[in-house]
């Protein structure tokens, strides 16, 4: 319940401040590398969940 309220409390101004802080901490050159790593991690996660779902569907038939 409280976590839902936290997301509602974050507005566009706070997002801009967070983005500026991240930019200052990591620098402009590191951010694309971080995003590539995040994207590949999400891709691997999706592939792993698809692999887990496949045997369940086969056993149900």
PDB file of N, CA and C in Angstrom:
ATOM      1  N   UNK A   1       0.825  -1.185   0.000  1.00  0.00           N
ATOM      2  CA  UNK A   1       0.000   0.000   0.000  1.00  0.00           C
ATOM      3  C   UNK A   1       0.870   1.249   0.000  1.00  0.00           C
ATOM      4  N   UNK A   2       1.909   1.245   0.847  1.00  0.00           N
ATOM      5  CA  UNK A   2       2.788   2.413   0.936  1.00  0.00           C
ATOM      6  C   UNK A   2       3.605   2.567  -0.344  1.00  0.00           C
ATOM      7  N   UNK A   3       4.035   1.440  -0.938  1.00  0.00           N
ATOM      8  CA  UNK A   3       4.821   1.527  -2.172  1.00  0.00           C
ATOM      9  C   UNK A   3       4.004   2.156  -3.296  1.00  0.00           C
ATOM     10  N   UNK A   4       2.704   1.905  -3.336  1.00  0.00           N
ATOM     11  CA  UNK A   4       1.840   2.535  -4.344  1.00  0.00           C
ATOM     12  C   UNK A   4       1.790   4.040  -4.143  1.00  0.00           C
ATOM     13  N   UNK A   5       1.786   4.480  -2.920  1.00  0.00           N
ATOM     14  CA  UNK A   5       1.735   5.907  -2.632  1.00  0.00           C
ATOM     15  C   UNK A   5       3.045   6.593  -3.009  1.00  0.00           C
ATOM     16  N   UNK A   6       4.165   5.889  -2.865  1.00  0.00           N
ATOM     17  CA  UNK A   6       5.458   6.477  -3.216  1.00  0.00           C
ATOM     18  C   UNK A   6       5.511   6.776  -4.711  1.00  0.00           C
ATOM     19  N   UNK A   7       5.019   5.841  -5.545  1.00  0.00           N
ATOM     20  CA  UNK A   7       5.032   6.069  -6.983  1.00  0.00           C
ATOM     21  C   UNK A   7       4.113   7.218  -7.378  1.00  0.00           C
ATOM     22  N   UNK A   8       3.036   7.395  -6.655  1.00  0.00           N
ATOM     23  CA  UNK A   8       2.128   8.497  -6.953  1.00  0.00           C
ATOM     24  C   UNK A   8       2.734   9.834  -6.555  1.00  0.00           C
ATOM     25  N   UNK A   9       3.648   9.835  -5.591  1.00  0.00           N
ATOM     26  CA  UNK A   9       4.237  11.069  -5.102  1.00  0.00           C
ATOM     27  C   UNK A   9       5.362  11.572  -6.016  1.00  0.00           C
ATOM     28  N   UNK A  10       5.869  10.730  -6.913  1.00  0.00           N
ATOM     29  CA  UNK A  10       6.956  11.134  -7.797  1.00  0.00           C
ATOM     30  C   UNK A  10       6.364  11.805  -9.025  1.00  0.00           C
ATOM     31  N   UNK A  11       6.731  13.062  -9.234  1.00  0.00           N
ATOM     32  CA  UNK A  11       6.226  13.813 -10.378  1.00  0.00           C
ATOM     33  C   UNK A  11       7.317  14.056 -11.399  1.00  0.00           C
ATOM     34  N   UNK A  12       6.998  14.790 -12.443  1.00  0.00           N
ATOM     35  CA  UNK A  12       7.976  15.067 -13.498  1.00  0.00           C
ATOM     36  C   UNK A  12       9.199  15.827 -12.992  1.00  0.00           C
ATOM     37  N   UNK A  13       9.000  16.728 -12.057  1.00  0.00           N
ATOM     38  CA  UNK A  13      10.131  17.483 -11.511  1.00  0.00           C
ATOM     39  C   UNK A  13      11.117  16.596 -10.785  1.00  0.00           C
ATOM     40  N   UNK A  14      10.599  15.646 -10.007  1.00  0.00           N
ATOM     41  CA  UNK A  14      11.470  14.729  -9.283  1.00  0.00           C
ATOM     42  C   UNK A  14      12.209  13.793 -10.239  1.00  0.00           C
ATOM     43  N   UNK A  15      11.537  13.392 -11.311  1.00  0.00           N
ATOM     44  CA  UNK A  15      12.188  12.522 -12.295  1.00  0.00           C
ATOM     45  C   UNK A  15      13.354  13.246 -12.953  1.00  0.00           C
ATOM     46  N   UNK A  16      13.180  14.518 -13.258  1.00  0.00           N
ATOM     47  CA  UNK A  16      14.257  15.310 -13.858  1.00  0.00           C
ATOM     48  C   UNK A  16      15.430  15.414 -12.889  1.00  0.00           C
ATOM     49  N   UNK A  17      15.154  15.656 -11.618  1.00  0.00           N
ATOM     50  CA  UNK A  17      16.223  15.757 -10.614  1.00  0.00           C
ATOM     51  C   UNK A  17      16.973  14.433 -10.509  1.00  0.00           C
ATOM     52  N   UNK A  18      16.251  13.317 -10.492  1.00  0.00           N
ATOM     53  CA  UNK A  18      16.888  12.007 -10.416  1.00  0.00           C
ATOM     54  C   UNK A  18      17.747  11.762 -11.653  1.00  0.00           C
ATOM     55  N   UNK A  19      17.254  12.129 -12.830  1.00  0.00           N
ATOM     56  CA  UNK A  19      18.016  11.949 -14.069  1.00  0.00           C
ATOM     57  C   UNK A  19      19.295  12.772 -14.053  1.00  0.00           C
ATOM     58  N   UNK A  20      19.236  14.000 -13.543  1.00  0.00           N
ATOM     59  CA  UNK A  20      20.430  14.852 -13.466  1.00  0.00           C
ATOM     60  C   UNK A  20      21.442  14.246 -12.495  1.00  0.00           C
ATOM     61  N   UNK A  21      20.975  13.738 -11.378  1.00  0.00           N
ATOM     62  CA  UNK A  21      21.887  13.121 -10.406  1.00  0.00           C
ATOM     63  C   UNK A  21      22.565  11.905 -11.012  1.00  0.00           C
ATOM     64  N   UNK A  22      21.807  11.077 -11.730  1.00  0.00           N
ATOM     65  CA  UNK A  22      22.398   9.907 -12.384  1.00  0.00           C
ATOM     66  C   UNK A  22      23.428  10.337 -13.416  1.00  0.00           C
ATOM     67  N   UNK A  23      23.110  11.378 -14.166  1.00  0.00           N
ATOM     68  CA  UNK A  23      24.047  11.890 -15.167  1.00  0.00           C
ATOM     69  C   UNK A  23      25.330  12.377 -14.515  1.00  0.00           C
ATOM     70  N   UNK A  24      25.219  13.058 -13.393  1.00  0.00           N
ATOM     71  CA  UNK A  24      26.401  13.543 -12.685  1.00  0.00           C
ATOM     72  C   UNK A  24      27.220  12.395 -12.098  1.00  0.00           C
ATOM     73  N   UNK A  25      26.550  11.371 -11.587  1.00  0.00           N
ATOM     74  CA  UNK A  25      27.261  10.255 -10.969  1.00  0.00           C
ATOM     75  C   UNK A  25      27.996   9.404 -11.998  1.00  0.00           C
ATOM     76  N   UNK A  26      27.349   9.079 -13.096  1.00  0.00           N
ATOM     77  CA  UNK A  26      27.917   8.138 -14.052  1.00  0.00           C
ATOM     78  C   UNK A  26      28.560   8.812 -15.263  1.00  0.00           C
ATOM     79  N   UNK A  27      28.205  10.023 -15.561  1.00  0.00           N
ATOM     80  CA  UNK A  27      28.752  10.704 -16.722  1.00  0.00           C
ATOM     81  C   UNK A  27      28.012  10.311 -17.991  1.00  0.00           C
ATOM     82  N   UNK A  28      28.150  11.120 -19.008  1.00  0.00           N
ATOM     83  CA  UNK A  28      27.436  10.909 -20.264  1.00  0.00           C
ATOM     84  C   UNK A  28      27.890   9.684 -21.027  1.00  0.00           C
ATOM     85  N   UNK A  29      29.135   9.266 -20.856  1.00  0.00           N
ATOM     86  CA  UNK A  29      29.647   8.130 -21.614  1.00  0.00           C
ATOM     87  C   UNK A  29      29.195   6.795 -21.042  1.00  0.00           C
ATOM     88  N   UNK A  30      28.988   6.733 -19.759  1.00  0.00           N
ATOM     89  CA  UNK A  30      28.619   5.461 -19.122  1.00  0.00           C
ATOM     90  C   UNK A  30      27.146   5.122 -19.258  1.00  0.00           C
ATOM     91  N   UNK A  31      26.288   6.096 -19.432  1.00  0.00           N
ATOM     92  CA  UNK A  31      24.851   5.853 -19.448  1.00  0.00           C
ATOM     93  C   UNK A  31      24.426   4.929 -20.596  1.00  0.00           C
ATOM     94  N   UNK A  32      24.917   5.115 -21.834  1.00  0.00           N
ATOM     95  CA  UNK A  32      24.538   4.152 -22.888  1.00  0.00           C
ATOM     96  C   UNK A  32      24.973   2.717 -22.571  1.00  0.00           C
ATOM     97  N   UNK A  33      26.150   2.570 -21.953  1.00  0.00           N
ATOM     98  CA  UNK A  33      26.608   1.233 -21.576  1.00  0.00           C
ATOM     99  C   UNK A  33      25.693   0.628 -20.512  1.00  0.00           C
ATOM    100  N   UNK A  34      25.265   1.445 -19.555  1.00  0.00           N
ATOM    101  CA  UNK A  34      24.365   0.962 -18.515  1.00  0.00           C
ATOM    102  C   UNK A  34      23.022   0.550 -19.104  1.00  0.00           C
ATOM    103  N   UNK A  35      22.518   1.335 -20.060  1.00  0.00           N
ATOM    104  CA  UNK A  35      21.233   1.022 -20.679  1.00  0.00           C
ATOM    105  C   UNK A  35      21.327  -0.245 -21.529  1.00  0.00           C
ATOM    106  N   UNK A  36      22.458  -0.444 -22.225  1.00  0.00           N
ATOM    107  CA  UNK A  36      22.648  -1.672 -22.994  1.00  0.00           C
ATOM    108  C   UNK A  36      22.645  -2.878 -22.067  1.00  0.00           C
ATOM    109  N   UNK A  37      23.339  -2.758 -20.949  1.00  0.00           N
ATOM    110  CA  UNK A  37      23.371  -3.846 -19.972  1.00  0.00           C
ATOM    111  C   UNK A  37      22.002  -4.129 -19.395  1.00  0.00           C
ATOM    112  N   UNK A  38      21.250  -3.086 -19.119  1.00  0.00           N
ATOM    113  CA  UNK A  38      19.895  -3.252 -18.599  1.00  0.00           C
ATOM    114  C   UNK A  38      19.002  -3.924 -19.639  1.00  0.00           C
ATOM    115  N   UNK A  39      19.124  -3.496 -20.891  1.00  0.00           N
ATOM    116  CA  UNK A  39      18.324  -4.090 -21.966  1.00  0.00           C
ATOM    117  C   UNK A  39      18.649  -5.560 -22.182  1.00  0.00           C
ATOM    118  N   UNK A  40      19.928  -5.903 -22.157  1.00  0.00           N
ATOM    119  CA  UNK A  40      20.288  -7.312 -22.344  1.00  0.00           C
ATOM    120  C   UNK A  40      19.835  -8.147 -21.153  1.00  0.00           C
ATOM    121  N   UNK A  41      19.866  -7.579 -19.966  1.00  0.00           N
ATOM    122  CA  UNK A  41      19.375  -8.300 -18.794  1.00  0.00           C
ATOM    123  C   UNK A  41      17.891  -8.579 -18.879  1.00  0.00           C
ATOM    124  N   UNK A  42      17.123  -7.600 -19.340  1.00  0.00           N
ATOM    125  CA  UNK A  42      15.679  -7.782 -19.501  1.00  0.00           C
ATOM    126  C   UNK A  42      15.401  -8.827 -20.582  1.00  0.00           C
ATOM    127  N   UNK A  43      16.179  -8.782 -21.671  1.00  0.00           N
ATOM    128  CA  UNK A  43      16.004  -9.743 -22.756  1.00  0.00           C
ATOM    129  C   UNK A  43      16.272 -11.166 -22.270  1.00  0.00           C
ATOM    130  N   UNK A  44      17.347 -11.352 -21.493  1.00  0.00           N
ATOM    131  CA  UNK A  44      17.660 -12.675 -20.958  1.00  0.00           C
ATOM    132  C   UNK A  44      16.572 -13.147 -19.995  1.00  0.00           C
ATOM    133  N   UNK A  45      16.038 -12.236 -19.200  1.00  0.00           N
ATOM    134  CA  UNK A  45      14.974 -12.590 -18.265  1.00  0.00           C
ATOM    135  C   UNK A  45      13.732 -13.069 -19.008  1.00  0.00           C
ATOM    136  N   UNK A  46      13.369 -12.357 -20.081  1.00  0.00           N
ATOM    137  CA  UNK A  46      12.194 -12.753 -20.863  1.00  0.00           C
ATOM    138  C   UNK A  46      12.408 -14.124 -21.501  1.00  0.00           C
ATOM    139  N   UNK A  47      13.615 -14.368 -22.033  1.00  0.00           N
ATOM    140  CA  UNK A  47      13.911 -15.665 -22.641  1.00  0.00           C
ATOM    141  C   UNK A  47      13.839 -16.779 -21.597  1.00  0.00           C
ATOM    142  N   UNK A  48      14.328 -16.519 -20.403  1.00  0.00           N
ATOM    143  CA  UNK A  48      14.302 -17.526 -19.347  1.00  0.00           C
ATOM    144  C   UNK A  48      12.876 -17.835 -18.916  1.00  0.00           C
ATOM    145  N   UNK A  49      12.024 -16.820 -18.859  1.00  0.00           N
ATOM    146  CA  UNK A  49      10.638 -17.082 -18.469  1.00  0.00           C
ATOM    147  C   UNK A  49       9.897 -17.841 -19.566  1.00  0.00           C
ATOM    148  N   UNK A  50      10.236 -17.577 -20.833  1.00  0.00           N
ATOM    149  CA  UNK A  50       9.614 -18.323 -21.929  1.00  0.00           C
ATOM    150  C   UNK A  50      10.027 -19.784 -21.886  1.00  0.00           C
ATOM    151  N   UNK A  51      11.298 -20.058 -21.535  1.00  0.00           N
ATOM    152  CA  UNK A  51      11.773 -21.430 -21.439  1.00  0.00           C
ATOM    153  C   UNK A  51      11.065 -22.171 -20.312  1.00  0.00           C
ATOM    154  N   UNK A  52      10.776 -21.489 -19.216  1.00  0.00           N
ATOM    155  CA  UNK A  52      10.081 -22.116 -18.100  1.00  0.00           C
ATOM    156  C   UNK A  52       8.632 -22.421 -18.450  1.00  0.00           C
ATOM    157  N   UNK A  53       8.006 -21.593 -19.265  1.00  0.00           N
ATOM    158  CA  UNK A  53       6.606 -21.785 -19.628  1.00  0.00           C
ATOM    159  C   UNK A  53       6.433 -22.910 -20.653  1.00  0.00           C
ATOM    160  N   UNK A  54       7.407 -23.137 -21.509  1.00  0.00           N
ATOM    161  CA  UNK A  54       7.288 -24.127 -22.574  1.00  0.00           C
ATOM    162  C   UNK A  54       7.060 -25.543 -22.043  1.00  0.00           C
ATOM    163  N   UNK A  55       7.813 -26.057 -21.088  1.00  0.00           N
ATOM    164  CA  UNK A  55       7.563 -27.423 -20.607  1.00  0.00           C
ATOM    165  C   UNK A  55       6.194 -27.577 -19.943  1.00  0.00           C
ATOM    166  N   UNK A  56       5.701 -26.558 -19.286  1.00  0.00           N
ATOM    167  CA  UNK A  56       4.398 -26.638 -18.641  1.00  0.00           C
ATOM    168  C   UNK A  56       3.298 -26.812 -19.674  1.00  0.00           C
ATOM    169  N   UNK A  57       3.388 -26.108 -20.789  1.00  0.00           N
ATOM    170  CA  UNK A  57       2.361 -26.212 -21.837  1.00  0.00           C
ATOM    171  C   UNK A  57       2.409 -27.604 -22.494  1.00  0.00           C
ATOM    172  N   UNK A  58       3.605 -28.156 -22.689  1.00  0.00           N
ATOM    173  CA  UNK A  58       3.738 -29.469 -23.295  1.00  0.00           C
ATOM    174  C   UNK A  58       3.167 -30.555 -22.389  1.00  0.00           C
ATOM    175  N   UNK A  59       3.360 -30.443 -21.082  1.00  0.00           N
ATOM    176  CA  UNK A  59       2.889 -31.468 -20.160  1.00  0.00           C
ATOM    177  C   UNK A  59       1.383 -31.424 -19.976  1.00  0.00           C
ATOM    178  N   UNK A  60       0.755 -30.278 -20.257  1.00  0.00           N
ATOM    179  CA  UNK A  60      -0.688 -30.147 -20.108  1.00  0.00           C
ATOM    180  C   UNK A  60      -1.445 -30.826 -21.237  1.00  0.00           C
ATOM    181  N   UNK A  61      -0.810 -30.996 -22.387  1.00  0.00           N
ATOM    182  CA  UNK A  61      -1.488 -31.580 -23.566  1.00  0.00           C
ATOM    183  C   UNK A  61      -1.666 -33.056 -23.437  1.00  0.00           C
TER     184      UNK A  61
END
